[in-house]
Amino acid sequence: MASLNVYSVLVVLLLTCGAVMATNENDQIIKENNCETKMGFPCVLEAFTSIFETGSISNKCCGELFVLGEVCRSALVKRTLENPLFKYVSPATIIAQSIQTWNNCLTLIDSPSPSA
């Protein structure tokens, strides 16, 4: 019985350390790439709504999302998911929506604009 308790404690410690390491890794990526300074606040809100709720993202904000870059987008989404406010949100769904927003922006940016 005692070995089961020791095993349980080790599993909890490993899981906790893994979560802390993931948080530190995302924070390090965000800091090293200056991710929090690459988008204006209105576009941050638009991207957040597109990823975490139901909404669209404008061409302008897609441009800012590309300046932000895929590495920053991914790290910021993962760090947001670590916030206790989002504990009831499915990480797989949010990551899929984040990728979908990125791909929608690729389509918007790659499509030729109508000439005036």
Protein backbone atom coordinates (compact mmCIF):
# COMPACT_ATOMS: atom_id res chain seq x y z
CA MET A 1 0.00 0.00 0.00
CA ALA A 2 2.84 2.37 0.84
CA SER A 3 4.45 1.75 -2.55
CA LEU A 4 1.18 2.71 -4.23
CA ASN A 5 1.17 6.04 -2.35
CA VAL A 6 4.79 6.71 -3.31
CA TYR A 7 3.97 5.87 -6.91
CA SER A 8 0.96 8.22 -6.84
CA VAL A 9 3.08 11.05 -5.44
CA LEU A 10 5.70 10.53 -8.15
CA VAL A 11 3.07 10.61 -10.89
CA VAL A 12 1.60 13.84 -9.52
CA LEU A 13 5.08 15.40 -9.28
CA LEU A 14 5.92 14.42 -12.86
CA LEU A 15 2.65 15.81 -14.17
CA THR A 16 3.09 19.04 -12.19
CA CYS A 17 6.67 19.47 -13.37
CA GLY A 18 5.60 18.85 -16.96
CA ALA A 19 2.92 21.56 -16.72
CA VAL A 20 5.38 24.02 -15.17
CA MET A 21 7.97 23.25 -17.84
CA ALA A 22 5.38 23.79 -20.58
CA THR A 23 4.40 27.13 -19.03
CA ASN A 24 8.04 28.19 -18.77
CA GLU A 25 8.70 27.07 -22.34
CA ASN A 26 5.78 29.12 -23.71
CA ASP A 27 6.80 32.14 -21.62
CA GLN A 28 10.37 31.84 -22.88
CA ILE A 29 9.23 31.64 -26.52
CA ILE A 30 6.97 34.68 -26.01
CA LYS A 31 9.74 36.68 -24.36
CA GLU A 32 12.50 35.74 -26.83
CA ASN A 33 10.32 36.61 -29.84
CA ASN A 34 8.75 39.78 -28.37
CA CYS A 35 5.37 38.22 -29.15
CA GLU A 36 3.34 40.55 -26.94
CA THR A 37 4.39 43.65 -28.87
CA LYS A 38 3.75 42.56 -32.47
CA MET A 39 -0.02 43.10 -32.72
CA GLY A 40 -2.20 46.09 -31.95
CA PHE A 41 -4.87 45.64 -29.28
CA PRO A 42 -7.87 45.79 -31.69
CA CYS A 43 -6.37 42.98 -33.77
CA VAL A 44 -5.50 40.98 -30.64
CA LEU A 45 -9.19 41.13 -29.70
CA GLU A 46 -10.26 40.14 -33.22
CA ALA A 47 -7.86 37.19 -33.31
CA PHE A 48 -8.89 36.11 -29.80
CA THR A 49 -12.57 36.21 -30.79
CA SER A 50 -11.83 34.23 -33.94
CA ILE A 51 -9.92 31.57 -32.00
CA PHE A 52 -11.69 31.33 -28.63
CA GLU A 53 -15.23 32.30 -29.62
CA THR A 54 -17.05 32.61 -32.93
CA GLY A 55 -15.95 35.48 -35.08
CA SER A 56 -14.12 36.50 -38.18
CA ILE A 57 -10.81 38.25 -38.62
CA SER A 58 -10.24 41.16 -41.00
CA ASN A 59 -7.57 41.37 -43.70
CA LYS A 60 -5.76 44.03 -41.64
CA CYS A 61 -5.64 41.79 -38.57
CA CYS A 62 -4.62 38.79 -40.67
CA GLY A 63 -1.65 40.87 -41.77
CA GLU A 64 -0.79 41.59 -38.14
CA LEU A 65 -1.26 37.91 -37.30
CA PHE A 66 1.34 37.04 -39.93
CA VAL A 67 3.74 39.64 -38.52
CA LEU A 68 3.18 37.95 -35.15
CA GLY A 69 4.14 34.63 -36.76
CA GLU A 70 3.11 31.04 -36.29
CA VAL A 71 5.51 30.38 -33.39
CA CYS A 72 4.19 33.33 -31.37
CA ARG A 73 0.56 32.51 -32.20
CA SER A 74 1.00 28.97 -31.00
CA ALA A 75 2.83 29.94 -27.79
CA LEU A 76 0.28 32.65 -26.93
CA VAL A 77 -2.66 30.30 -27.49
CA LYS A 78 -1.05 27.59 -25.35
CA ARG A 79 -0.26 30.06 -22.57
CA THR A 80 -3.84 31.36 -22.66
CA LEU A 81 -5.12 27.79 -22.32
CA GLU A 82 -3.03 27.45 -19.13
CA ASN A 83 -5.07 30.23 -17.52
CA PRO A 84 -7.61 28.83 -15.01
CA LEU A 85 -10.34 30.90 -16.71
CA PHE A 86 -10.11 28.48 -19.64
CA LYS A 87 -10.08 25.22 -17.70
CA TYR A 88 -13.44 24.16 -19.16
CA VAL A 89 -12.36 24.82 -22.75
CA SER A 90 -11.16 21.92 -24.89
CA PRO A 91 -7.49 22.58 -25.74
CA ALA A 92 -7.77 20.40 -28.86
CA THR A 93 -10.73 22.46 -30.11
CA ILE A 94 -8.98 25.78 -29.45
CA ILE A 95 -5.75 24.65 -31.11
CA ALA A 96 -7.77 23.47 -34.12
CA GLN A 97 -9.59 26.84 -34.26
CA SER A 98 -6.25 28.64 -33.99
CA ILE A 99 -4.90 26.68 -36.95
CA GLN A 100 -8.15 27.32 -38.85
CA THR A 101 -7.86 31.08 -38.21
CA TRP A 102 -4.25 30.96 -39.46
CA ASN A 103 -5.31 29.05 -42.59
CA ASN A 104 -8.23 31.44 -43.22
CA CYS A 105 -5.78 34.31 -43.03
CA LEU A 106 -3.49 32.53 -45.50
CA THR A 107 -6.42 32.39 -47.91
CA LEU A 108 -7.23 36.08 -47.39
CA ILE A 109 -3.62 37.20 -47.79
CA ASP A 110 -2.93 34.95 -50.81
CA SER A 111 -6.10 35.87 -52.71
CA PRO A 112 -5.64 38.74 -55.15
CA SER A 113 -7.41 41.94 -54.18
CA PRO A 114 -9.91 43.35 -56.67
CA SER A 115 -8.47 46.19 -58.70
CA ALA A 116 -10.16 49.57 -58.44
